[in-house]
Amino acid sequence: MNRKRSPARWFALAAAGLLCVLLVGGPVGEAAAQAKPEGEMRWALYVTLSPMWFDPGEFAGLTPFWVLYAIHDALVKPMPGNLMTPSLAESWTVSADERVYEFKLREGLKFHNGDPFTAEDVKFSFHRAKGSKILHDKVREVAIVDPYRLRFHLREPWPDFMTFYGTLVSGAGWVVPKKYVERVGDDAFKKQPIGLGPYKFVSHTPGIELVMEANESYWRKMPSVKRLVFKSVPEAITRAAMLKRGEVDVAYLLDVPQAQELKRDPTLKLAFSGGIASFFLDFLDQWDAKSPWADRRVRLAANYAIDRRALSEAETLGASIPVGSIIPRTFEFALPIEPYPYDPAKAKQLLAEAGYPNGFDAGELHQLPPYF
């Protein structure tokens, strides 16, 4: 990507990790030698941005994290190549009885408004986070040792503490400025968020756009792009048209007809962001003994009757990988189960064996996650 507006525009067909590509950097010290950020990059998004997305304390699933990674930072967070990358915390240790986690914080960091980052902000952010009841239930006390060191005291040994605190399971490890939030209040913070991330909040027009500018003193690495503009554009046809007219550099989640058309344009690039979500049908009626779905042969027949590869070609030009489990393969310890093959004859045979040679009314089918 050119630092100025690039004539060779490009777009992605799913929203997951693209922003992180811009933000990944090296250790402290590189920013001093790096050139100043330049240019502007514009996105056409398929979602309407909510002010709740700007506050990590209002954790509401994975989607808001592409905003949180830009504006805010966490003690520990997933980064390329490391699910638990030390970030605002330089390091951490666990006591012999596995009841105490001690974090050593980076010193000399400042929030976008100039407030210094200390252990007080970490403790405050943990207690106001709403994303994980089990995490708060397991932690007995958060004790500040000094301005750059604090300890989490657990009620009992809990091996999953870092998974809940240091990944994207909750927003409790993400840090907001205590003094600023206490001064302006939660509602005002969502309207004018202040963070420690690589980009500063500039403005948000609900339903229209979000604007951010580079934080040139970001500790990891100074961003290369000066200004980011995210436009909310619900219609895929409109997103594609904006891309062709040069109004945006990236358009997310295009329908197949638009993607096929733009794929033929030599000045554009079709790309897939590599999202990790698994989508599946949940046959909830299987728990009703009187339902046909209670018969395992019927559920197997449905599996054999679904042409997953054809669905992938029709919906995402083949970018979606058929899988045999609801757990994404990229997850640690995930079992790589292969999907059932497409076999209509096998499906009919199983239905006949179950007593439904002519099929039956399937009832309601439930898609999860519910991105209809």
Protein backbone atom coordinates (compact mmCIF):
# COMPACT_ATOMS: atom_id res chain seq x y z
CA MET A 1 0.00 0.00 0.00
CA ASN A 2 1.24 3.44 -0.89
CA ARG A 3 1.48 5.87 1.99
CA LYS A 4 -0.45 8.36 -0.12
CA ARG A 5 -3.78 7.40 -1.68
CA SER A 6 -2.96 4.47 -3.89
CA PRO A 7 -4.30 4.31 -7.47
CA ALA A 8 -4.03 0.52 -7.31
CA ARG A 9 -6.88 0.17 -4.82
CA TRP A 10 -7.69 -3.12 -3.17
CA PHE A 11 -10.39 -4.65 -1.03
CA ALA A 12 -11.01 -7.54 1.35
CA LEU A 13 -13.88 -9.98 1.49
CA ALA A 14 -14.24 -10.42 5.26
CA ALA A 15 -13.35 -8.41 8.33
CA ALA A 16 -10.89 -9.82 10.79
CA GLY A 17 -7.23 -8.91 10.95
CA LEU A 18 -6.48 -6.28 8.32
CA LEU A 19 -6.08 -3.40 10.76
CA CYS A 20 -3.59 -5.41 12.76
CA VAL A 21 -1.37 -5.62 9.69
CA LEU A 22 -1.00 -1.86 9.82
CA LEU A 23 -0.32 -1.84 13.53
CA VAL A 24 2.22 -4.60 13.99
CA GLY A 25 5.62 -3.23 14.79
CA GLY A 26 8.95 -3.74 16.50
CA PRO A 27 10.34 -2.80 19.89
CA VAL A 28 10.51 0.59 21.51
CA GLY A 29 13.10 2.85 19.91
CA GLU A 30 12.31 2.15 16.28
CA ALA A 31 9.76 4.97 16.18
CA ALA A 32 12.49 7.57 16.56
CA ALA A 33 14.14 6.53 13.30
CA GLN A 34 10.93 5.94 11.40
CA ALA A 35 9.54 8.43 8.92
CA LYS A 36 6.51 10.45 9.99
CA PRO A 37 3.14 8.90 9.12
CA GLU A 38 1.65 10.14 5.86
CA GLY A 39 -1.49 9.94 3.78
CA GLU A 40 -5.01 8.76 4.40
CA MET A 41 -6.64 5.36 4.10
CA ARG A 42 -10.40 4.91 3.74
CA TRP A 43 -12.57 1.87 4.40
CA ALA A 44 -16.16 1.09 3.39
CA LEU A 45 -17.51 -1.12 6.19
CA TYR A 46 -20.61 -3.30 6.24
CA VAL A 47 -21.36 -2.49 9.91
CA THR A 48 -22.67 0.54 11.76
CA LEU A 49 -20.13 1.52 14.39
CA SER A 50 -21.43 1.76 17.94
CA PRO A 51 -19.88 4.03 20.61
CA MET A 52 -19.81 0.93 22.84
CA TRP A 53 -17.09 -0.42 20.54
CA PHE A 54 -14.77 2.38 21.68
CA ASP A 55 -14.78 1.24 25.33
CA PRO A 56 -13.07 -2.09 26.19
CA GLY A 57 -15.02 -2.14 29.44
CA GLU A 58 -18.18 -2.74 27.40
CA PHE A 59 -16.92 -6.03 25.98
CA ALA A 60 -19.49 -7.42 23.52
CA GLY A 61 -17.75 -10.18 21.57
CA LEU A 62 -14.92 -10.23 19.07
CA THR A 63 -16.10 -7.76 16.43
CA PRO A 64 -15.25 -4.51 18.33
CA PHE A 65 -11.61 -5.54 18.76
CA TRP A 66 -10.60 -4.18 15.35
CA VAL A 67 -11.42 -0.74 16.81
CA LEU A 68 -9.95 -1.50 20.24
CA TYR A 69 -6.61 -2.57 18.72
CA ALA A 70 -6.32 0.87 17.13
CA ILE A 71 -7.36 3.15 20.00
CA HIS A 72 -6.41 1.12 23.07
CA ASP A 73 -3.82 -1.35 24.34
CA ALA A 74 -3.75 -4.28 26.76
CA LEU A 75 -1.31 -5.74 29.25
CA VAL A 76 -1.20 -8.91 27.17
CA LYS A 77 -2.96 -9.52 23.86
CA PRO A 78 -2.91 -11.72 20.76
CA MET A 79 -0.50 -10.54 18.09
CA PRO A 80 0.79 -12.32 14.97
CA GLY A 81 2.73 -15.39 16.04
CA ASN A 82 1.90 -15.19 19.75
CA LEU A 83 -1.52 -15.63 21.33
CA MET A 84 -0.33 -13.91 24.52
CA THR A 85 2.08 -11.16 23.52
CA PRO A 86 3.52 -8.95 26.30
CA SER A 87 2.29 -5.43 25.53
CA LEU A 88 1.67 -2.91 28.31
CA ALA A 89 3.10 -5.57 30.61
CA GLU A 90 6.76 -6.29 29.93
CA SER A 91 6.52 -9.62 31.75
CA TRP A 92 4.57 -11.58 34.32
CA THR A 93 5.21 -14.36 36.83
CA VAL A 94 3.08 -16.96 38.60
CA SER A 95 3.56 -17.96 42.23
CA ALA A 96 4.41 -21.54 43.19
CA ASP A 97 0.88 -22.15 44.48
CA GLU A 98 -0.56 -20.64 41.24
CA ARG A 99 -2.67 -18.17 43.21
CA VAL A 100 -0.75 -14.95 42.45
CA TYR A 101 0.02 -13.43 39.02
CA GLU A 102 2.42 -10.49 39.13
CA PHE A 103 2.78 -8.10 36.17
CA LYS A 104 5.69 -5.74 35.52
CA LEU A 105 4.40 -2.76 33.51
CA ARG A 106 6.18 -0.69 30.88
CA GLU A 107 7.34 2.62 32.25
CA GLY A 108 7.12 6.06 30.67
CA LEU A 109 3.99 5.46 28.59
CA LYS A 110 1.31 8.14 28.29
CA PHE A 111 -2.32 8.09 27.23
CA HIS A 112 -3.38 10.16 24.23
CA ASN A 113 -4.28 13.08 26.53
CA GLY A 114 -0.88 13.03 28.27
CA ASP A 115 -1.91 11.21 31.46
CA PRO A 116 0.82 8.78 32.62
CA PHE A 117 0.06 5.06 32.48
CA THR A 118 0.37 3.33 35.89
CA ALA A 119 -0.85 0.29 37.80
CA GLU A 120 -3.82 2.36 39.03
CA ASP A 121 -5.20 2.38 35.47
CA VAL A 122 -4.82 -1.38 35.20
CA LYS A 123 -6.67 -2.05 38.45
CA PHE A 124 -9.40 0.44 37.59
CA SER A 125 -9.89 -1.03 34.11
CA PHE A 126 -10.15 -4.57 35.45
CA HIS A 127 -12.87 -3.71 37.94
CA ARG A 128 -15.00 -1.74 35.42
CA ALA A 129 -14.79 -4.40 32.69
CA LYS A 130 -18.10 -6.16 32.11
CA GLY A 131 -16.94 -8.92 29.81
CA SER A 132 -16.32 -11.85 32.14
CA LYS A 133 -18.15 -12.64 35.38
CA ILE A 134 -16.12 -15.79 35.97
CA LEU A 135 -12.88 -13.77 35.80
CA HIS A 136 -14.07 -11.37 38.49
CA ASP A 137 -15.38 -14.22 40.61
CA LYS A 138 -11.99 -15.98 40.51
CA VAL A 139 -9.93 -12.89 41.43
CA ARG A 140 -9.94 -12.14 45.17
CA GLU A 141 -7.88 -8.94 45.03
CA VAL A 142 -5.85 -6.73 42.69
CA ALA A 143 -2.98 -5.31 44.74
CA ILE A 144 -0.72 -2.48 43.57
CA VAL A 145 2.90 -3.09 44.60
CA ASP A 146 4.28 0.12 43.07
CA PRO A 147 3.29 2.37 40.14
CA TYR A 148 4.57 -0.20 37.63
CA ARG A 149 3.91 -3.50 39.33
CA LEU A 150 0.72 -5.19 40.51
CA ARG A 151 -0.52 -8.58 41.61
CA PHE A 152 -3.73 -10.48 40.92
CA HIS A 153 -4.59 -12.72 43.91
CA LEU A 154 -6.87 -15.62 42.96
CA ARG A 155 -9.23 -17.37 45.33
CA GLU A 156 -7.85 -20.71 44.16
CA PRO A 157 -5.46 -22.00 41.49
CA TRP A 158 -7.01 -21.40 38.06
CA PRO A 159 -4.94 -22.37 35.00
CA ASP A 160 -7.30 -20.46 32.69
CA PHE A 161 -6.61 -17.05 34.24
CA MET A 162 -4.31 -15.84 31.45
CA THR A 163 -6.67 -17.20 28.79
CA PHE A 164 -9.49 -15.09 30.18
CA TYR A 165 -7.34 -12.05 30.97
CA GLY A 166 -4.71 -12.01 28.22
CA THR A 167 -6.61 -13.05 25.08
CA LEU A 168 -9.86 -11.89 23.47
CA VAL A 169 -12.14 -13.90 25.75
CA SER A 170 -12.87 -10.68 27.65
CA GLY A 171 -11.86 -7.03 27.59
CA ALA A 172 -10.59 -7.04 31.18
CA GLY A 173 -6.91 -6.83 30.22
CA TRP A 174 -7.41 -3.70 28.11
CA VAL A 175 -6.56 -0.44 29.85
CA VAL A 176 -8.35 2.92 29.96
CA PRO A 177 -7.18 6.10 31.79
CA LYS A 178 -8.61 6.09 35.33
CA LYS A 179 -8.42 9.86 35.93
CA TYR A 180 -10.02 10.75 32.61
CA VAL A 181 -12.89 8.25 32.89
CA GLU A 182 -13.65 9.31 36.47
CA ARG A 183 -13.66 12.96 35.41
CA VAL A 184 -15.88 12.71 32.32
CA GLY A 185 -17.96 9.59 33.11
CA ASP A 186 -18.59 6.42 31.14
CA ASP A 187 -21.00 7.91 28.60
CA ALA A 188 -18.69 10.80 27.73
CA PHE A 189 -15.75 8.40 27.48
CA LYS A 190 -17.54 6.43 24.77
CA LYS A 191 -18.10 9.64 22.82
CA GLN A 192 -14.48 10.82 23.18
CA PRO A 193 -12.31 7.79 24.03
CA ILE A 194 -8.72 8.20 25.18
CA GLY A 195 -6.35 5.26 24.96
CA LEU A 196 -2.77 4.02 24.66
CA GLY A 197 -3.05 2.58 21.15
CA PRO A 198 -1.37 3.45 17.85
CA TYR A 199 -4.26 5.66 16.72
CA LYS A 200 -6.04 8.56 18.40
CA PHE A 201 -9.79 9.06 18.19
CA VAL A 202 -10.68 12.18 16.16
CA SER A 203 -14.43 12.03 15.54
CA HIS A 204 -17.40 9.72 15.16
CA THR A 205 -20.55 10.55 13.25
CA PRO A 206 -23.05 7.77 14.13
CA GLY A 207 -24.09 5.80 11.09
CA ILE A 208 -21.64 7.73 8.88
CA GLU A 209 -17.95 7.46 9.75
CA LEU A 210 -15.18 7.09 12.33
CA VAL A 211 -11.95 9.08 11.95
CA MET A 212 -8.63 8.34 13.68
CA GLU A 213 -5.12 9.81 13.41
CA ALA A 214 -1.72 8.27 14.09
CA ASN A 215 -0.25 8.34 17.59
CA GLU A 216 3.34 9.24 16.74
CA SER A 217 4.57 8.31 20.22
CA TYR A 218 3.11 4.81 20.25
CA TRP A 219 5.52 2.59 22.16
CA ARG A 220 5.63 -0.39 19.79
CA LYS A 221 6.01 1.38 16.43
CA MET A 222 4.82 4.60 14.89
CA PRO A 223 2.01 3.92 12.37
CA SER A 224 2.81 4.50 8.69
CA VAL A 225 -0.59 5.95 7.74
CA LYS A 226 -1.49 9.35 9.18
CA ARG A 227 -5.28 9.27 8.98
CA LEU A 228 -7.83 6.43 8.94
CA VAL A 229 -11.45 6.93 7.88
CA PHE A 230 -14.00 4.14 8.38
CA LYS A 231 -17.31 4.70 6.59
CA SER A 232 -20.47 2.76 7.44
CA VAL A 233 -21.96 1.60 4.13
CA PRO A 234 -24.61 -1.13 4.64
CA GLU A 235 -25.19 -1.87 0.94
CA ALA A 236 -22.61 -4.09 -0.81
CA ILE A 237 -23.40 -2.53 -4.20
CA THR A 238 -22.66 0.93 -2.78
CA ARG A 239 -19.39 -0.27 -1.22
CA ALA A 240 -18.27 -1.66 -4.57
CA ALA A 241 -19.25 1.55 -6.38
CA MET A 242 -17.29 3.67 -3.90
CA LEU A 243 -14.26 1.48 -4.48
CA LYS A 244 -14.49 1.84 -8.27
CA ARG A 245 -14.87 5.61 -7.98
CA GLY A 246 -11.82 5.85 -5.74
CA GLU A 247 -13.77 7.11 -2.73
CA VAL A 248 -12.35 4.32 -0.55
CA ASP A 249 -9.25 2.13 -0.64
CA VAL A 250 -10.81 -0.95 0.96
CA ALA A 251 -14.35 -2.32 0.76
CA TYR A 252 -15.31 -5.17 3.06
CA LEU A 253 -17.69 -8.10 2.61
CA LEU A 254 -18.81 -7.72 -0.98
CA ASP A 255 -21.43 -10.00 -2.48
CA VAL A 256 -20.22 -12.48 -5.08
CA PRO A 257 -21.56 -10.57 -8.16
CA GLN A 258 -19.67 -7.42 -7.13
CA ALA A 259 -16.57 -9.42 -6.21
CA GLN A 260 -16.55 -11.17 -9.61
CA GLU A 261 -16.92 -7.85 -11.41
CA LEU A 262 -14.11 -6.18 -9.47
CA LYS A 263 -11.90 -9.22 -9.88
CA ARG A 264 -11.80 -8.49 -13.61
CA ASP A 265 -10.54 -4.94 -12.99
CA PRO A 266 -6.70 -4.94 -13.28
CA THR A 267 -6.45 -1.89 -10.99
CA LEU A 268 -8.14 -3.72 -8.10
CA LYS A 269 -7.14 -6.67 -5.96
CA LEU A 270 -9.50 -9.20 -4.44
CA ALA A 271 -8.20 -10.39 -1.07
CA PHE A 272 -9.43 -12.56 1.78
CA SER A 273 -8.59 -11.50 5.30
CA GLY A 274 -8.49 -15.02 6.72
CA GLY A 275 -11.25 -14.74 9.31
CA ILE A 276 -11.40 -17.59 11.82
CA ALA A 277 -15.16 -17.85 12.50
CA SER A 278 -16.94 -21.15 11.93
CA PHE A 279 -20.59 -21.03 10.83
CA PHE A 280 -22.87 -23.98 11.43
CA LEU A 281 -26.50 -25.13 11.64
CA ASP A 282 -27.70 -26.20 15.07
CA PHE A 283 -30.51 -28.78 14.99
CA LEU A 284 -32.06 -27.81 18.31
CA ASP A 285 -34.99 -30.18 17.81
CA GLN A 286 -32.64 -33.14 18.22
CA TRP A 287 -33.25 -32.95 21.98
CA ASP A 288 -36.96 -33.65 21.41
CA ALA A 289 -37.39 -37.45 21.36
CA LYS A 290 -40.42 -37.09 19.07
CA SER A 291 -38.51 -35.09 16.43
CA PRO A 292 -36.90 -36.76 13.39
CA TRP A 293 -33.72 -34.89 14.33
CA ALA A 294 -33.42 -37.04 17.46
CA ASP A 295 -32.33 -39.89 15.17
CA ARG A 296 -28.57 -39.80 14.57
CA ARG A 297 -29.09 -41.21 11.05
CA VAL A 298 -31.18 -38.17 10.14
CA ARG A 299 -28.47 -35.79 11.32
CA LEU A 300 -25.87 -37.76 9.38
CA ALA A 301 -28.09 -37.59 6.30
CA ALA A 302 -28.20 -33.80 6.58
CA ASN A 303 -24.40 -33.72 6.74
CA TYR A 304 -24.05 -35.85 3.60
CA ALA A 305 -26.68 -33.76 1.80
CA ILE A 306 -24.85 -30.45 2.22
CA ASP A 307 -22.36 -29.54 -0.49
CA ARG A 308 -20.05 -27.37 1.58
CA ARG A 309 -17.64 -26.66 -1.25
CA ALA A 310 -20.46 -25.43 -3.51
CA LEU A 311 -21.69 -23.18 -0.72
CA SER A 312 -18.20 -21.74 -0.35
CA GLU A 313 -17.94 -21.07 -4.08
CA ALA A 314 -21.37 -19.43 -4.16
CA GLU A 315 -20.96 -17.28 -1.06
CA THR A 316 -17.25 -16.37 -0.88
CA LEU A 317 -15.73 -17.45 -4.21
CA GLY A 318 -14.20 -20.49 -2.51
CA ALA A 319 -12.47 -18.59 0.31
CA SER A 320 -14.40 -20.37 3.07
CA ILE A 321 -12.78 -23.68 4.05
CA PRO A 322 -15.21 -26.54 4.77
CA VAL A 323 -14.62 -27.91 8.27
CA GLY A 324 -15.97 -30.73 10.40
CA SER A 325 -16.07 -28.96 13.76
CA ILE A 326 -17.44 -25.73 15.19
CA ILE A 327 -14.02 -25.04 16.75
CA PRO A 328 -11.74 -23.08 14.37
CA ARG A 329 -8.61 -25.07 13.51
CA THR A 330 -6.38 -22.12 14.37
CA PHE A 331 -7.43 -22.37 18.02
CA GLU A 332 -4.87 -23.95 20.31
CA PHE A 333 -5.47 -27.69 20.84
CA ALA A 334 -8.36 -27.74 18.33
CA LEU A 335 -9.04 -31.21 16.91
CA PRO A 336 -8.75 -31.04 13.07
CA ILE A 337 -11.93 -32.93 12.18
CA GLU A 338 -12.59 -33.32 8.45
CA PRO A 339 -16.07 -32.45 7.14
CA TYR A 340 -18.45 -35.09 5.86
CA PRO A 341 -18.21 -35.51 2.07
CA TYR A 342 -21.07 -34.52 -0.21
CA ASP A 343 -22.91 -37.79 -0.88
CA PRO A 344 -26.64 -37.41 -1.75
CA ALA A 345 -27.04 -41.17 -2.28
CA LYS A 346 -25.74 -41.86 1.23
CA ALA A 347 -28.09 -39.20 2.60
CA LYS A 348 -31.12 -40.81 0.95
CA GLN A 349 -30.08 -44.23 2.23
CA LEU A 350 -29.81 -43.00 5.82
CA LEU A 351 -33.16 -41.22 5.62
CA ALA A 352 -34.82 -44.40 4.36
CA GLU A 353 -33.24 -46.43 7.16
CA ALA A 354 -34.57 -43.90 9.68
CA GLY A 355 -38.08 -44.27 8.25
CA TYR A 356 -38.24 -41.11 6.13
CA PRO A 357 -37.74 -42.29 2.51
CA ASN A 358 -39.67 -39.26 1.20
CA GLY A 359 -38.15 -36.75 3.60
CA PHE A 360 -39.97 -34.68 6.24
CA ASP A 361 -40.65 -31.11 7.32
CA ALA A 362 -37.31 -30.05 8.80
CA GLY A 363 -38.80 -27.34 11.03
CA GLU A 364 -36.68 -24.35 11.97
CA LEU A 365 -32.94 -24.33 11.30
CA HIS A 366 -30.72 -22.18 13.49
CA GLN A 367 -27.57 -20.60 12.06
CA LEU A 368 -24.77 -19.83 14.48
CA PRO A 369 -23.16 -17.33 14.80
CA PRO A 370 -26.28 -15.36 13.76
CA TYR A 371 -24.77 -13.35 10.88
CA PHE A 372 -27.73 -13.78 8.54
